Amino acid sequence: MTHKDVWAAIDKLAKKNKISCSKLAILSGLDATTFNKSKRYSVFGKPRWPSMHSISKILEATSTTPTEFANFIENKDYPIE
């Protein structure tokens, strides 16, 4: 599992629900900018990982199981393209 895989899974979850990542954050009770692409790396290029709290919130808001989310990480069930 890589940084890129986890962020791609969040993008897939938003796409599956036909919403933007900003809308996904809002529906989850998070700041609208939580999942912005610009926040995925620090200004020094260091990867920023989403918190478990944020992931838990988006799973609850979209009625997604941890297994379903793990499948997104593994690219099994929902292509990003």
N, C-alpha and C. Protein backbone atom coordinates (compact mmCIF):
# COMPACT_ATOMS: atom_id res chain seq x y z
N MET A 1 0.86 -1.17 0.00
CA MET A 1 0.00 0.00 0.00
C MET A 1 0.90 1.23 0.00
N THR A 2 0.63 2.13 -0.92
CA THR A 2 1.42 3.34 -1.02
C THR A 2 0.56 4.58 -0.76
N HIS A 3 1.23 5.68 -0.57
CA HIS A 3 0.58 6.97 -0.41
C HIS A 3 -0.35 7.23 -1.59
N LYS A 4 0.16 7.01 -2.78
CA LYS A 4 -0.62 7.23 -4.00
C LYS A 4 -1.86 6.33 -4.03
N ASP A 5 -1.71 5.07 -3.61
CA ASP A 5 -2.84 4.13 -3.61
C ASP A 5 -3.97 4.59 -2.67
N VAL A 6 -3.61 5.08 -1.51
CA VAL A 6 -4.63 5.51 -0.53
C VAL A 6 -5.37 6.74 -1.06
N TRP A 7 -4.64 7.71 -1.60
CA TRP A 7 -5.30 8.89 -2.15
C TRP A 7 -6.15 8.53 -3.36
N ALA A 8 -5.68 7.59 -4.19
CA ALA A 8 -6.48 7.15 -5.34
C ALA A 8 -7.77 6.49 -4.85
N ALA A 9 -7.71 5.76 -3.76
CA ALA A 9 -8.91 5.12 -3.20
C ALA A 9 -9.93 6.17 -2.76
N ILE A 10 -9.46 7.26 -2.18
CA ILE A 10 -10.36 8.35 -1.79
C ILE A 10 -10.99 8.97 -3.04
N ASP A 11 -10.20 9.17 -4.07
CA ASP A 11 -10.73 9.69 -5.33
C ASP A 11 -11.78 8.74 -5.91
N LYS A 12 -11.52 7.45 -5.85
CA LYS A 12 -12.47 6.45 -6.36
C LYS A 12 -13.77 6.45 -5.57
N LEU A 13 -13.65 6.59 -4.26
CA LEU A 13 -14.84 6.62 -3.41
C LEU A 13 -15.71 7.82 -3.77
N ALA A 14 -15.09 8.96 -3.98
CA ALA A 14 -15.84 10.15 -4.39
C ALA A 14 -16.50 9.91 -5.75
N LYS A 15 -15.73 9.37 -6.68
CA LYS A 15 -16.26 9.12 -8.02
C LYS A 15 -17.42 8.12 -7.98
N LYS A 16 -17.28 7.07 -7.18
CA LYS A 16 -18.35 6.08 -7.07
C LYS A 16 -19.64 6.73 -6.58
N ASN A 17 -19.51 7.71 -5.71
CA ASN A 17 -20.67 8.39 -5.15
C ASN A 17 -21.08 9.62 -5.97
N LYS A 18 -20.42 9.79 -7.11
CA LYS A 18 -20.73 10.87 -8.06
C LYS A 18 -20.63 12.26 -7.43
N ILE A 19 -19.57 12.42 -6.63
CA ILE A 19 -19.31 13.71 -5.98
C ILE A 19 -17.83 14.02 -6.07
N SER A 20 -17.51 15.26 -5.84
CA SER A 20 -16.10 15.67 -5.81
C SER A 20 -15.49 15.29 -4.46
N CYS A 21 -14.17 15.36 -4.39
CA CYS A 21 -13.51 15.11 -3.11
C CYS A 21 -13.89 16.17 -2.09
N SER A 22 -14.12 17.39 -2.54
CA SER A 22 -14.55 18.46 -1.63
C SER A 22 -15.92 18.16 -1.06
N LYS A 23 -16.82 17.71 -1.90
CA LYS A 23 -18.17 17.35 -1.43
C LYS A 23 -18.10 16.15 -0.49
N LEU A 24 -17.23 15.20 -0.79
CA LEU A 24 -17.04 14.04 0.09
C LEU A 24 -16.61 14.50 1.48
N ALA A 25 -15.68 15.42 1.52
CA ALA A 25 -15.22 15.95 2.81
C ALA A 25 -16.37 16.64 3.56
N ILE A 26 -17.12 17.46 2.87
CA ILE A 26 -18.23 18.19 3.50
C ILE A 26 -19.28 17.22 4.03
N LEU A 27 -19.66 16.22 3.22
CA LEU A 27 -20.65 15.24 3.66
C LEU A 27 -20.17 14.44 4.88
N SER A 28 -18.86 14.37 5.03
CA SER A 28 -18.26 13.62 6.14
C SER A 28 -18.03 14.48 7.37
N GLY A 29 -18.40 15.75 7.28
CA GLY A 29 -18.22 16.65 8.42
C GLY A 29 -16.81 17.19 8.53
N LEU A 30 -16.07 17.15 7.42
CA LEU A 30 -14.69 17.63 7.40
C LEU A 30 -14.62 18.94 6.62
N ASP A 31 -13.52 19.63 6.74
CA ASP A 31 -13.30 20.84 5.96
C ASP A 31 -13.29 20.48 4.48
N ALA A 32 -13.86 21.34 3.66
CA ALA A 32 -13.98 21.08 2.22
C ALA A 32 -12.63 20.86 1.54
N THR A 33 -11.56 21.38 2.12
CA THR A 33 -10.24 21.27 1.49
C THR A 33 -9.44 20.06 1.96
N THR A 34 -10.02 19.25 2.82
CA THR A 34 -9.30 18.12 3.42
C THR A 34 -8.64 17.22 2.40
N PHE A 35 -9.33 16.95 1.29
CA PHE A 35 -8.81 15.99 0.31
C PHE A 35 -8.29 16.64 -0.96
N ASN A 36 -8.05 17.96 -0.92
CA ASN A 36 -7.51 18.64 -2.10
C ASN A 36 -6.17 18.04 -2.51
N LYS A 37 -5.96 17.98 -3.81
CA LYS A 37 -4.69 17.44 -4.32
C LYS A 37 -3.50 18.26 -3.81
N SER A 38 -3.70 19.54 -3.61
CA SER A 38 -2.60 20.39 -3.13
C SER A 38 -2.19 20.08 -1.70
N LYS A 39 -3.03 19.38 -0.96
CA LYS A 39 -2.72 19.05 0.44
C LYS A 39 -2.14 17.65 0.60
N ARG A 40 -1.90 16.96 -0.48
CA ARG A 40 -1.42 15.58 -0.42
C ARG A 40 0.09 15.50 -0.23
N TYR A 41 0.75 16.63 -0.41
CA TYR A 41 2.20 16.73 -0.20
C TYR A 41 2.48 18.04 0.52
N SER A 42 3.50 18.04 1.36
CA SER A 42 3.90 19.28 2.03
C SER A 42 4.59 20.19 1.01
N VAL A 43 4.86 21.42 1.40
CA VAL A 43 5.56 22.34 0.51
C VAL A 43 6.96 21.85 0.18
N PHE A 44 7.47 20.93 0.99
CA PHE A 44 8.79 20.36 0.76
C PHE A 44 8.72 19.04 0.00
N GLY A 45 7.52 18.65 -0.43
CA GLY A 45 7.35 17.44 -1.22
C GLY A 45 7.18 16.16 -0.41
N LYS A 46 7.08 16.29 0.90
CA LYS A 46 6.89 15.12 1.75
C LYS A 46 5.42 14.68 1.68
N PRO A 47 5.18 13.38 1.46
CA PRO A 47 3.79 12.91 1.38
C PRO A 47 3.02 13.14 2.68
N ARG A 48 1.80 13.61 2.55
CA ARG A 48 0.89 13.73 3.69
C ARG A 48 -0.17 12.65 3.52
N TRP A 49 -0.29 11.82 4.52
CA TRP A 49 -1.26 10.74 4.49
C TRP A 49 -2.57 11.20 5.14
N PRO A 50 -3.70 10.74 4.63
CA PRO A 50 -4.97 11.07 5.29
C PRO A 50 -5.02 10.38 6.65
N SER A 51 -5.65 11.01 7.60
CA SER A 51 -5.74 10.41 8.93
C SER A 51 -6.78 9.29 8.95
N MET A 52 -6.64 8.41 9.90
CA MET A 52 -7.65 7.36 10.08
C MET A 52 -8.99 7.97 10.44
N HIS A 53 -8.96 9.08 11.16
CA HIS A 53 -10.19 9.77 11.51
C HIS A 53 -10.93 10.21 10.23
N SER A 54 -10.21 10.80 9.30
CA SER A 54 -10.81 11.24 8.04
C SER A 54 -11.34 10.06 7.23
N ILE A 55 -10.57 9.00 7.17
CA ILE A 55 -11.01 7.82 6.43
C ILE A 55 -12.25 7.23 7.08
N SER A 56 -12.27 7.14 8.39
CA SER A 56 -13.44 6.63 9.10
C SER A 56 -14.68 7.46 8.79
N LYS A 57 -14.51 8.78 8.77
CA LYS A 57 -15.64 9.68 8.50
C LYS A 57 -16.19 9.48 7.09
N ILE A 58 -15.30 9.32 6.08
CA ILE A 58 -15.80 9.16 4.71
C ILE A 58 -16.45 7.80 4.51
N LEU A 59 -15.95 6.79 5.22
CA LEU A 59 -16.57 5.47 5.12
C LEU A 59 -17.98 5.51 5.70
N GLU A 60 -18.11 6.15 6.84
CA GLU A 60 -19.43 6.26 7.48
C GLU A 60 -20.40 7.07 6.61
N ALA A 61 -19.92 8.19 6.08
CA ALA A 61 -20.80 9.07 5.29
C ALA A 61 -21.27 8.42 3.99
N THR A 62 -20.49 7.49 3.46
CA THR A 62 -20.84 6.85 2.19
C THR A 62 -21.30 5.41 2.36
N SER A 63 -21.47 4.98 3.59
CA SER A 63 -21.86 3.59 3.89
C SER A 63 -20.94 2.59 3.18
N THR A 64 -19.65 2.86 3.25
CA THR A 64 -18.64 2.01 2.65
C THR A 64 -17.96 1.20 3.75
N THR A 65 -17.78 -0.09 3.51
CA THR A 65 -17.10 -0.92 4.50
C THR A 65 -15.58 -0.75 4.36
N PRO A 66 -14.86 -1.04 5.42
CA PRO A 66 -13.40 -1.02 5.32
C PRO A 66 -12.88 -1.97 4.22
N THR A 67 -13.55 -3.09 4.04
CA THR A 67 -13.15 -4.04 3.00
C THR A 67 -13.32 -3.44 1.62
N GLU A 68 -14.44 -2.75 1.40
CA GLU A 68 -14.66 -2.08 0.11
C GLU A 68 -13.58 -1.04 -0.14
N PHE A 69 -13.25 -0.27 0.89
CA PHE A 69 -12.21 0.75 0.75
C PHE A 69 -10.86 0.09 0.46
N ALA A 70 -10.58 -1.01 1.14
CA ALA A 70 -9.33 -1.74 0.89
C ALA A 70 -9.27 -2.23 -0.56
N ASN A 71 -10.41 -2.64 -1.09
CA ASN A 71 -10.44 -3.06 -2.49
C ASN A 71 -10.14 -1.89 -3.43
N PHE A 72 -10.58 -0.69 -3.07
CA PHE A 72 -10.22 0.48 -3.86
C PHE A 72 -8.71 0.70 -3.83
N ILE A 73 -8.12 0.52 -2.66
CA ILE A 73 -6.67 0.68 -2.54
C ILE A 73 -5.95 -0.33 -3.42
N GLU A 74 -6.47 -1.53 -3.47
CA GLU A 74 -5.87 -2.59 -4.27
C GLU A 74 -6.30 -2.54 -5.74
N ASN A 75 -7.09 -1.53 -6.10
CA ASN A 75 -7.56 -1.35 -7.48
C ASN A 75 -8.41 -2.52 -7.99
N LYS A 76 -9.18 -3.13 -7.13
CA LYS A 76 -9.93 -4.32 -7.52
C LYS A 76 -11.32 -4.04 -8.05
N ASP A 77 -12.04 -3.11 -7.46
CA ASP A 77 -13.46 -3.00 -7.77
C ASP A 77 -13.90 -1.76 -8.54
N TYR A 78 -13.10 -0.77 -8.60
CA TYR A 78 -13.57 0.46 -9.22
C TYR A 78 -12.40 1.21 -9.84
N PRO A 79 -12.30 1.18 -11.15
CA PRO A 79 -11.19 1.91 -11.78
C PRO A 79 -11.37 3.42 -11.67
N ILE A 80 -10.29 4.14 -11.55
CA ILE A 80 -10.34 5.60 -11.44
C ILE A 80 -10.62 6.23 -12.79
N GLU A 81 -10.21 5.61 -13.86
CA GLU A 81 -10.41 6.17 -15.19
C GLU A 81 -11.84 6.07 -15.62
